[in-house]
N, C-alpha and C. Protein backbone atom coordinates (compact mmCIF):
# COMPACT_ATOMS: atom_id res chain seq x y z
N MET A 1 -2.00 4.90 51.65
CA MET A 1 -1.71 4.07 50.61
C MET A 1 -1.83 3.11 51.00
N GLN A 2 -2.29 2.60 49.80
CA GLN A 2 -3.04 1.46 49.27
C GLN A 2 -2.48 0.62 49.12
N THR A 3 -2.41 -0.75 49.70
CA THR A 3 -1.11 -1.94 50.21
C THR A 3 -1.86 -2.85 50.02
N ALA A 4 -1.20 -3.60 49.27
CA ALA A 4 -1.53 -5.43 48.88
C ALA A 4 -0.53 -6.39 49.22
N VAL A 5 -1.23 -7.45 50.07
CA VAL A 5 -0.53 -8.65 50.24
C VAL A 5 -0.47 -9.79 49.14
N TYR A 6 0.82 -9.88 48.34
CA TYR A 6 0.74 -11.33 47.34
C TYR A 6 1.45 -12.26 48.29
N ALA A 7 0.79 -13.24 48.72
CA ALA A 7 1.07 -14.61 49.46
C ALA A 7 1.52 -15.57 48.82
N GLY A 8 2.24 -16.55 49.08
CA GLY A 8 2.35 -17.74 48.37
C GLY A 8 3.28 -18.60 49.24
N SER A 9 3.58 -20.08 48.81
CA SER A 9 4.97 -20.42 49.13
C SER A 9 6.19 -20.43 48.86
N PHE A 10 6.09 -19.88 47.36
CA PHE A 10 7.06 -19.32 46.63
C PHE A 10 8.10 -20.89 46.61
N ASP A 11 7.45 -21.99 46.64
CA ASP A 11 8.75 -22.96 46.81
C ASP A 11 8.41 -23.81 45.45
N PRO A 12 9.26 -23.97 44.57
CA PRO A 12 9.99 -22.68 43.91
C PRO A 12 9.37 -21.49 43.43
N LEU A 13 9.97 -19.65 43.60
CA LEU A 13 9.49 -18.95 42.81
C LEU A 13 9.65 -19.36 41.45
N THR A 14 8.76 -18.58 40.80
CA THR A 14 8.25 -19.15 39.73
C THR A 14 8.39 -17.64 38.58
N ASN A 15 8.10 -17.87 36.98
CA ASN A 15 7.90 -16.59 36.34
C ASN A 15 6.84 -16.07 36.55
N GLY A 16 5.90 -17.29 36.82
CA GLY A 16 4.68 -16.58 37.04
C GLY A 16 4.35 -15.30 38.41
N HIS A 17 5.15 -16.27 39.05
CA HIS A 17 5.41 -15.23 40.40
C HIS A 17 6.04 -14.36 40.47
N LEU A 18 6.62 -14.00 39.22
CA LEU A 18 7.11 -12.50 39.20
C LEU A 18 6.31 -11.44 38.09
N TRP A 19 5.56 -12.35 37.25
CA TRP A 19 4.63 -11.46 36.52
C TRP A 19 3.64 -10.84 37.64
N MET A 20 3.01 -11.25 38.61
CA MET A 20 2.02 -11.49 39.34
C MET A 20 2.64 -9.94 40.49
N ILE A 21 4.09 -10.23 40.87
CA ILE A 21 4.50 -9.02 41.52
C ILE A 21 4.83 -7.80 40.37
N ARG A 22 4.96 -7.73 39.70
CA ARG A 22 5.35 -6.74 38.63
C ARG A 22 4.03 -6.28 38.31
N GLU A 23 2.83 -6.48 38.49
CA GLU A 23 1.56 -6.19 37.95
C GLU A 23 1.20 -5.73 39.36
N GLY A 24 1.10 -6.64 40.82
CA GLY A 24 1.18 -5.79 41.79
C GLY A 24 1.46 -4.51 41.84
N LEU A 25 2.85 -4.04 41.71
CA LEU A 25 3.39 -2.77 41.97
C LEU A 25 2.73 -1.95 40.54
N GLU A 26 2.57 -2.53 40.06
CA GLU A 26 1.78 -1.71 39.19
C GLU A 26 0.66 -1.02 39.60
N LEU A 27 -0.45 -1.98 40.17
CA LEU A 27 -1.53 -1.41 40.62
C LEU A 27 -1.72 -1.09 42.08
N PHE A 28 -0.81 -1.38 42.85
CA PHE A 28 -0.91 -0.83 44.46
C PHE A 28 0.42 -0.05 44.74
N GLU A 29 0.24 1.13 45.59
CA GLU A 29 1.41 1.79 46.11
C GLU A 29 2.38 0.64 46.79
N ARG A 30 1.98 -0.21 47.72
CA ARG A 30 3.12 -0.32 48.59
C ARG A 30 2.29 -2.29 48.23
N LEU A 31 3.30 -2.65 48.17
CA LEU A 31 3.08 -4.43 47.85
C LEU A 31 3.91 -4.91 49.10
N VAL A 32 3.40 -6.25 49.54
CA VAL A 32 4.11 -7.10 50.64
C VAL A 32 3.95 -8.51 49.87
N VAL A 33 4.91 -8.76 49.43
CA VAL A 33 5.38 -10.13 49.12
C VAL A 33 5.45 -11.33 50.20
N ALA A 34 4.52 -11.98 50.58
CA ALA A 34 4.50 -12.56 51.97
C ALA A 34 4.66 -14.12 51.82
N ILE A 35 5.67 -15.14 52.11
CA ILE A 35 5.64 -15.83 52.06
C ILE A 35 5.15 -17.12 53.21
N GLY A 36 3.93 -17.53 53.12
CA GLY A 36 3.36 -18.71 53.78
C GLY A 36 3.88 -19.71 54.31
N SER A 37 4.10 -19.94 55.58
CA SER A 37 4.40 -21.25 56.04
C SER A 37 2.96 -22.06 56.61
N ASN A 38 2.91 -23.10 55.90
CA ASN A 38 1.83 -24.45 56.51
C ASN A 38 3.01 -25.49 57.08
N PRO A 39 2.52 -25.93 58.33
CA PRO A 39 3.08 -27.00 58.96
C PRO A 39 2.76 -27.84 58.25
N SER A 40 2.01 -27.98 57.61
CA SER A 40 1.72 -29.64 57.23
C SER A 40 2.14 -29.63 55.48
N LYS A 41 2.64 -28.93 54.64
CA LYS A 41 3.28 -28.94 54.01
C LYS A 41 4.93 -29.50 54.37
N ASN A 42 5.60 -30.06 53.07
CA ASN A 42 6.52 -30.49 52.73
C ASN A 42 7.44 -29.65 52.23
N TYR A 43 8.58 -28.68 52.12
CA TYR A 43 8.72 -27.79 51.45
C TYR A 43 10.32 -28.08 50.81
N THR A 44 10.40 -27.96 49.24
CA THR A 44 12.33 -28.14 48.70
C THR A 44 12.83 -27.19 49.66
N PHE A 45 12.42 -25.90 49.83
CA PHE A 45 13.39 -24.67 50.28
C PHE A 45 13.64 -24.36 51.61
N SER A 46 14.15 -24.11 52.70
CA SER A 46 14.06 -23.30 53.46
C SER A 46 12.80 -21.96 53.72
N ILE A 47 12.39 -21.22 54.95
CA ILE A 47 11.72 -20.36 54.61
C ILE A 47 13.03 -18.91 53.72
N GLU A 48 14.44 -19.09 54.60
CA GLU A 48 15.41 -18.33 54.14
C GLU A 48 15.70 -18.44 52.97
N GLU A 49 15.83 -19.96 52.79
CA GLU A 49 16.32 -19.87 51.01
C GLU A 49 15.20 -19.29 50.24
N ARG A 50 13.73 -19.09 50.81
CA ARG A 50 13.07 -18.56 49.79
C ARG A 50 12.92 -17.44 49.76
N LEU A 51 13.34 -16.70 50.82
CA LEU A 51 13.48 -15.03 50.97
C LEU A 51 14.26 -14.48 50.06
N GLU A 52 15.90 -15.51 50.30
CA GLU A 52 16.86 -15.03 49.64
C GLU A 52 16.76 -15.27 48.08
N LEU A 53 16.04 -15.95 47.49
CA LEU A 53 15.60 -16.08 46.59
C LEU A 53 14.64 -15.50 45.79
N LEU A 54 13.64 -14.58 47.14
CA LEU A 54 12.70 -13.51 46.23
C LEU A 54 13.91 -12.69 46.30
N ARG A 55 14.81 -12.15 46.84
CA ARG A 55 15.02 -11.16 46.84
C ARG A 55 16.59 -10.63 46.00
N GLU A 56 16.96 -11.64 45.34
CA GLU A 56 17.45 -11.86 44.57
C GLU A 56 17.10 -11.78 42.95
N SER A 57 16.02 -12.18 43.55
CA SER A 57 15.03 -12.04 41.59
C SER A 57 14.28 -10.93 41.22
N ILE A 58 13.97 -10.53 42.28
CA ILE A 58 13.36 -9.36 42.25
C ILE A 58 13.97 -7.88 42.64
N PRO A 59 13.96 -6.80 41.60
CA PRO A 59 15.02 -5.88 41.67
C PRO A 59 14.39 -4.70 43.21
N SER A 60 14.74 -4.17 44.18
CA SER A 60 14.99 -3.83 44.78
C SER A 60 14.01 -2.59 44.85
N CYS A 61 12.87 -1.78 45.57
CA CYS A 61 11.82 -1.17 45.70
C CYS A 61 11.87 -0.84 46.73
N GLU A 62 11.57 0.60 47.12
CA GLU A 62 11.05 0.76 48.39
C GLU A 62 9.78 0.46 48.26
N ARG A 63 8.88 0.55 47.22
CA ARG A 63 7.41 0.20 47.76
C ARG A 63 7.22 -1.42 47.72
N LEU A 64 8.29 -2.06 47.52
CA LEU A 64 7.93 -3.54 47.90
C LEU A 64 8.28 -3.62 49.71
N THR A 65 8.12 -4.79 50.09
CA THR A 65 8.29 -5.61 51.48
C THR A 65 8.64 -7.03 50.53
N ILE A 66 9.62 -8.13 51.32
CA ILE A 66 9.67 -8.92 51.29
C ILE A 66 9.46 -9.76 52.54
N THR A 67 8.70 -10.73 52.41
CA THR A 67 8.75 -11.31 54.47
C THR A 67 8.03 -12.56 54.34
N HIS A 68 7.68 -12.82 55.56
CA HIS A 68 7.36 -14.19 55.65
C HIS A 68 5.87 -14.13 56.71
N PHE A 69 5.24 -15.38 56.89
CA PHE A 69 4.08 -15.18 58.12
C PHE A 69 4.22 -16.86 58.57
N ASP A 70 4.03 -17.24 60.04
CA ASP A 70 3.91 -18.73 59.99
C ASP A 70 2.54 -18.91 60.44
N ASN A 71 2.09 -20.19 60.23
CA ASN A 71 0.43 -20.45 60.84
C ASN A 71 -0.59 -19.24 61.01
N ARG A 72 -0.89 -18.61 60.11
CA ARG A 72 -2.01 -17.71 60.24
C ARG A 72 -3.10 -17.52 59.17
N TYR A 73 -3.55 -17.38 59.35
CA TYR A 73 -4.80 -17.48 58.14
C TYR A 73 -4.11 -15.36 57.17
N LEU A 74 -4.30 -15.89 55.91
CA LEU A 74 -3.45 -14.42 55.17
C LEU A 74 -4.09 -13.30 55.67
N VAL A 75 -5.78 -13.64 55.58
CA VAL A 75 -6.59 -12.32 55.80
C VAL A 75 -6.09 -11.58 57.51
N ASP A 76 -5.93 -12.10 58.05
CA ASP A 76 -5.03 -11.85 59.90
C ASP A 76 -4.13 -11.34 59.50
N TYR A 77 -2.61 -11.77 58.50
CA TYR A 77 -1.62 -11.34 58.31
C TYR A 77 -2.20 -9.37 57.63
N ALA A 78 -2.60 -9.96 56.30
CA ALA A 78 -3.36 -8.38 55.52
C ALA A 78 -3.50 -7.51 56.69
N LYS A 79 -4.19 -7.65 57.78
CA LYS A 79 -4.71 -7.33 58.49
C LYS A 79 -3.47 -6.44 59.35
N GLU A 80 -2.97 -7.17 59.69
CA GLU A 80 -1.88 -6.76 60.75
C GLU A 80 -0.74 -5.63 59.91
N MET A 81 -0.83 -6.12 58.37
CA MET A 81 -0.03 -5.45 57.51
C MET A 81 -0.36 -4.01 57.10
N ASN A 82 -1.74 -3.80 57.50
CA ASN A 82 -2.43 -2.69 57.18
C ASN A 82 -2.71 -2.23 55.40
N ALA A 83 -2.85 -3.65 55.19
CA ALA A 83 -3.34 -3.53 53.69
C ALA A 83 -4.57 -3.70 53.72
N ASP A 84 -4.87 -3.39 51.98
CA ASP A 84 -6.41 -2.69 51.92
C ASP A 84 -6.81 -3.75 50.56
N PHE A 85 -5.84 -4.76 50.26
CA PHE A 85 -6.40 -6.08 48.93
C PHE A 85 -5.21 -6.76 49.77
N ILE A 86 -6.07 -7.69 49.19
CA ILE A 86 -5.38 -9.19 49.01
C ILE A 86 -5.17 -9.54 47.63
N LEU A 87 -3.75 -10.01 46.88
CA LEU A 87 -3.53 -10.23 45.55
C LEU A 87 -3.66 -11.62 45.19
N ARG A 88 -4.32 -11.98 44.40
CA ARG A 88 -4.25 -13.46 44.19
C ARG A 88 -4.22 -13.99 42.53
N GLY A 89 -3.83 -14.54 42.23
CA GLY A 89 -4.08 -15.10 40.37
C GLY A 89 -4.65 -16.31 40.39
N ILE A 90 -5.13 -16.32 39.41
CA ILE A 90 -5.99 -17.35 38.78
C ILE A 90 -5.68 -17.67 37.47
N ARG A 91 -5.13 -19.28 37.43
CA ARG A 91 -4.78 -19.93 36.33
C ARG A 91 -5.19 -20.87 35.53
N SER A 92 -6.71 -21.60 36.64
CA SER A 92 -7.66 -22.25 35.89
C SER A 92 -8.85 -22.52 36.60
N PRO A 93 -9.31 -23.03 36.17
CA PRO A 93 -10.51 -23.16 36.96
C PRO A 93 -11.27 -23.72 38.15
N GLN A 94 -10.14 -24.61 39.07
CA GLN A 94 -10.05 -24.62 40.11
C GLN A 94 -9.48 -23.91 40.77
N ASP A 95 -8.48 -22.83 40.57
CA ASP A 95 -8.08 -21.76 40.99
C ASP A 95 -9.34 -20.84 41.38
N TYR A 96 -10.10 -20.75 40.73
CA TYR A 96 -10.85 -19.94 40.51
C TYR A 96 -12.54 -20.48 41.45
N GLU A 97 -12.26 -21.67 41.63
CA GLU A 97 -13.22 -22.30 42.78
C GLU A 97 -12.62 -22.10 44.19
N TYR A 98 -11.18 -22.03 44.39
CA TYR A 98 -10.98 -22.12 45.83
C TYR A 98 -10.71 -20.91 45.88
N GLU A 99 -10.01 -20.13 45.31
CA GLU A 99 -10.39 -18.15 45.33
C GLU A 99 -11.58 -18.10 45.42
N ARG A 100 -12.77 -18.39 45.11
CA ARG A 100 -13.63 -17.59 45.04
C ARG A 100 -14.22 -18.00 46.70
N VAL A 101 -14.11 -18.98 46.71
CA VAL A 101 -14.38 -19.59 48.54
C VAL A 101 -13.54 -18.85 49.21
N MET A 102 -12.04 -18.93 49.46
CA MET A 102 -11.42 -18.06 50.07
C MET A 102 -11.67 -16.93 50.54
N ARG A 103 -12.07 -16.37 49.51
CA ARG A 103 -12.49 -14.20 48.55
C ARG A 103 -13.68 -14.27 49.67
N HIS A 104 -14.85 -15.03 49.94
CA HIS A 104 -15.69 -14.89 50.62
C HIS A 104 -15.52 -15.30 52.43
N ILE A 105 -14.99 -16.13 52.82
CA ILE A 105 -14.91 -16.75 53.94
C ILE A 105 -13.42 -15.43 54.39
N ASN A 106 -12.58 -14.79 53.82
CA ASN A 106 -11.67 -13.82 54.22
C ASN A 106 -12.29 -12.29 54.31
N GLY A 107 -13.75 -12.11 53.10
CA GLY A 107 -14.56 -11.52 53.52
C GLY A 107 -15.25 -11.45 54.63
N ASP A 108 -15.61 -12.36 55.47
CA ASP A 108 -16.02 -12.63 56.62
C ASP A 108 -15.74 -12.09 57.40
N MET A 109 -14.33 -12.47 57.55
CA MET A 109 -13.35 -12.30 58.73
C MET A 109 -12.74 -10.89 58.50
N ALA A 110 -13.24 -10.41 57.31
CA ALA A 110 -12.12 -9.09 57.37
C ALA A 110 -12.77 -8.27 55.98
N PRO A 111 -14.35 -7.26 56.58
CA PRO A 111 -14.46 -6.84 55.03
C PRO A 111 -14.11 -6.14 54.64
N GLU A 112 -13.45 -5.12 55.30
CA GLU A 112 -12.55 -4.15 55.02
C GLU A 112 -11.59 -4.17 53.84
N ILE A 113 -11.24 -5.72 53.75
CA ILE A 113 -9.99 -6.34 53.02
C ILE A 113 -10.41 -6.82 51.93
N GLN A 114 -10.04 -6.43 50.12
CA GLN A 114 -10.70 -6.52 49.59
C GLN A 114 -9.40 -7.66 48.68
N THR A 115 -10.35 -8.44 47.70
CA THR A 115 -9.44 -9.65 46.83
C THR A 115 -9.13 -8.96 46.13
N VAL A 116 -8.56 -9.03 44.76
CA VAL A 116 -7.93 -9.06 43.43
C VAL A 116 -7.53 -9.74 43.01
N PHE A 117 -8.55 -10.56 42.06
CA PHE A 117 -7.47 -11.57 40.80
C PHE A 117 -7.13 -11.22 40.02
N LEU A 118 -6.11 -11.73 39.44
CA LEU A 118 -5.35 -11.38 38.30
C LEU A 118 -5.11 -12.58 37.73
N MET A 119 -5.34 -12.64 35.97
CA MET A 119 -5.17 -13.69 35.34
C MET A 119 -4.19 -13.43 34.42
N PRO A 120 -3.02 -14.56 34.77
CA PRO A 120 -1.66 -14.13 34.18
C PRO A 120 -1.95 -14.43 32.37
N PRO A 121 -1.16 -14.30 31.64
CA PRO A 121 -0.92 -14.21 30.29
C PRO A 121 -0.78 -15.58 30.19
N ARG A 122 -1.34 -16.06 28.28
CA ARG A 122 -1.39 -17.64 28.39
C ARG A 122 -0.09 -17.67 28.67
N ASP A 123 1.32 -17.73 28.23
CA ASP A 123 2.20 -17.97 28.01
C ASP A 123 3.19 -18.57 29.55
N ILE A 124 2.32 -17.60 30.45
CA ILE A 124 2.74 -18.24 32.24
C ILE A 124 1.80 -19.08 32.47
N ALA A 125 0.63 -18.96 32.23
CA ALA A 125 -0.76 -19.20 32.84
C ALA A 125 -0.77 -20.52 33.58
N GLU A 126 -0.05 -21.71 33.21
CA GLU A 126 -0.20 -22.68 33.61
C GLU A 126 0.85 -23.40 34.76
N LEU A 127 2.18 -22.30 34.93
CA LEU A 127 3.15 -22.22 35.84
C LEU A 127 2.59 -22.31 36.89
N SER A 128 3.23 -23.42 38.13
CA SER A 128 2.93 -23.53 39.64
C SER A 128 4.03 -24.16 39.89
N SER A 129 4.15 -23.88 41.40
CA SER A 129 5.82 -24.29 41.99
C SER A 129 5.73 -26.04 42.01
N SER A 130 4.46 -26.53 41.72
CA SER A 130 4.67 -27.77 41.68
C SER A 130 4.40 -28.49 40.47
N MET A 131 4.01 -27.56 39.46
CA MET A 131 4.52 -28.25 38.00
C MET A 131 6.06 -27.76 38.03
N ILE A 132 7.20 -27.18 38.38
CA ILE A 132 7.96 -27.12 38.20
C ILE A 132 9.38 -28.27 38.44
N LYS A 133 8.26 -28.38 40.18
CA LYS A 133 8.64 -29.45 40.70
C LYS A 133 8.81 -30.57 39.85
N GLY A 134 7.63 -31.40 39.38
CA GLY A 134 7.67 -32.47 38.80
C GLY A 134 8.38 -32.46 37.42
N LEU A 135 8.66 -31.81 37.20
CA LEU A 135 9.20 -31.72 35.87
C LEU A 135 10.85 -31.83 35.68
N ILE A 136 11.34 -31.62 37.36
CA ILE A 136 13.31 -31.99 37.76
C ILE A 136 13.20 -32.88 37.88
N GLY A 137 13.74 -33.63 37.19
CA GLY A 137 14.74 -35.19 37.27
C GLY A 137 14.89 -36.02 35.82
N PRO A 138 14.18 -35.91 35.28
CA PRO A 138 14.09 -36.74 34.02
C PRO A 138 15.79 -35.93 33.40
N GLU A 139 16.30 -36.59 32.48
CA GLU A 139 17.21 -36.29 31.52
C GLU A 139 16.73 -35.04 30.70
N GLY A 140 17.68 -34.41 30.77
CA GLY A 140 17.23 -32.69 30.12
C GLY A 140 16.20 -31.89 30.53
N TRP A 141 16.20 -32.09 31.97
CA TRP A 141 15.13 -31.26 32.76
C TRP A 141 15.29 -29.69 32.58
N GLN A 142 16.98 -29.45 32.73
CA GLN A 142 17.17 -28.18 33.05
C GLN A 142 16.76 -27.36 31.75
N LYS A 143 17.10 -27.94 30.40
CA LYS A 143 16.89 -26.89 29.52
C LYS A 143 14.88 -26.45 29.63
N THR A 144 13.99 -27.50 30.02
CA THR A 144 12.83 -27.02 30.18
C THR A 144 12.31 -26.26 31.37
N VAL A 145 13.27 -26.45 32.71
CA VAL A 145 12.86 -25.99 33.88
C VAL A 145 12.79 -24.42 33.35
N ARG A 146 14.51 -23.91 32.91
CA ARG A 146 15.28 -23.01 32.97
C ARG A 146 14.53 -21.75 32.24
N ARG A 147 13.39 -21.82 31.35
CA ARG A 147 12.87 -20.69 30.82
C ARG A 147 11.14 -20.68 31.82
N TYR A 148 11.17 -21.19 32.85
CA TYR A 148 9.74 -21.01 33.82
C TYR A 148 10.41 -20.42 34.92
N VAL A 149 11.15 -20.26 35.36
CA VAL A 149 12.05 -19.91 36.68
C VAL A 149 13.11 -18.80 36.86
N PRO A 150 13.19 -17.81 37.40
CA PRO A 150 14.98 -17.21 37.42
C PRO A 150 15.94 -17.72 37.69
N GLN A 151 16.76 -17.14 36.86
CA GLN A 151 18.30 -17.45 36.77
C GLN A 151 18.45 -17.77 38.47
N ALA A 152 18.27 -16.75 39.27
CA ALA A 152 18.59 -17.47 40.95
C ALA A 152 17.70 -19.06 41.74
N VAL A 153 16.61 -18.98 40.81
CA VAL A 153 15.62 -20.26 41.41
C VAL A 153 16.60 -21.40 40.67
N PHE A 154 16.75 -21.01 39.38
CA PHE A 154 17.22 -22.59 38.11
C PHE A 154 18.88 -22.80 39.18
N SER A 155 19.49 -21.60 39.05
CA SER A 155 20.87 -22.46 39.91
C SER A 155 20.73 -22.78 41.46
N LYS A 156 19.55 -22.61 41.78
CA LYS A 156 19.34 -23.16 43.35
C LYS A 156 18.96 -24.94 42.53
N LEU A 157 18.10 -25.30 42.23
CA LEU A 157 17.57 -26.13 42.13
C LEU A 157 18.39 -27.15 41.12
N GLU A 158 19.44 -26.59 40.42
CA GLU A 158 20.44 -27.46 39.67
C GLU A 158 21.31 -28.11 41.25
N THR A 159 21.43 -27.23 41.80
CA THR A 159 21.95 -27.67 43.21
C THR A 159 21.32 -28.82 44.22
N VAL A 160 20.11 -28.98 44.21
CA VAL A 160 19.55 -29.72 45.20
C VAL A 160 18.56 -31.09 44.31
N SER A 161 19.26 -30.98 42.90
CA SER A 161 18.09 -32.44 42.12
C SER A 161 20.18 -33.12 41.82
């Protein structure tokens, strides 16, 4: 069974992330969506909140696992999950350069795991969790942010801002 790991902070989950998950389920027999935790980052939502938002925003599917991992390399986590692939999104030239380097480092560490890159459609290509956080605050932010995140995430953002 071909398995891929799609990892991110998902802080917050965006419609771009949902597109990647839908595409991952089309491409692979099993998809592990994993929240990676980096101790040097400050998060808006706890791991538990982000897991819950993922579960609320993605229809249940027996081929999909939603989980998290702490303070480990993604490629090591992928090996632990018996994954054949790491799924990554590329939105910009900066993403490409970063992901290109990481693909080679991961290949050095685990040559048996391939990295697959997807480029989202134009209407969501600019979405990032950081961008969403930057849009929150000014008067009328709700109208703008609502179109870029799932409803469960939008409701949670309203409560914390």
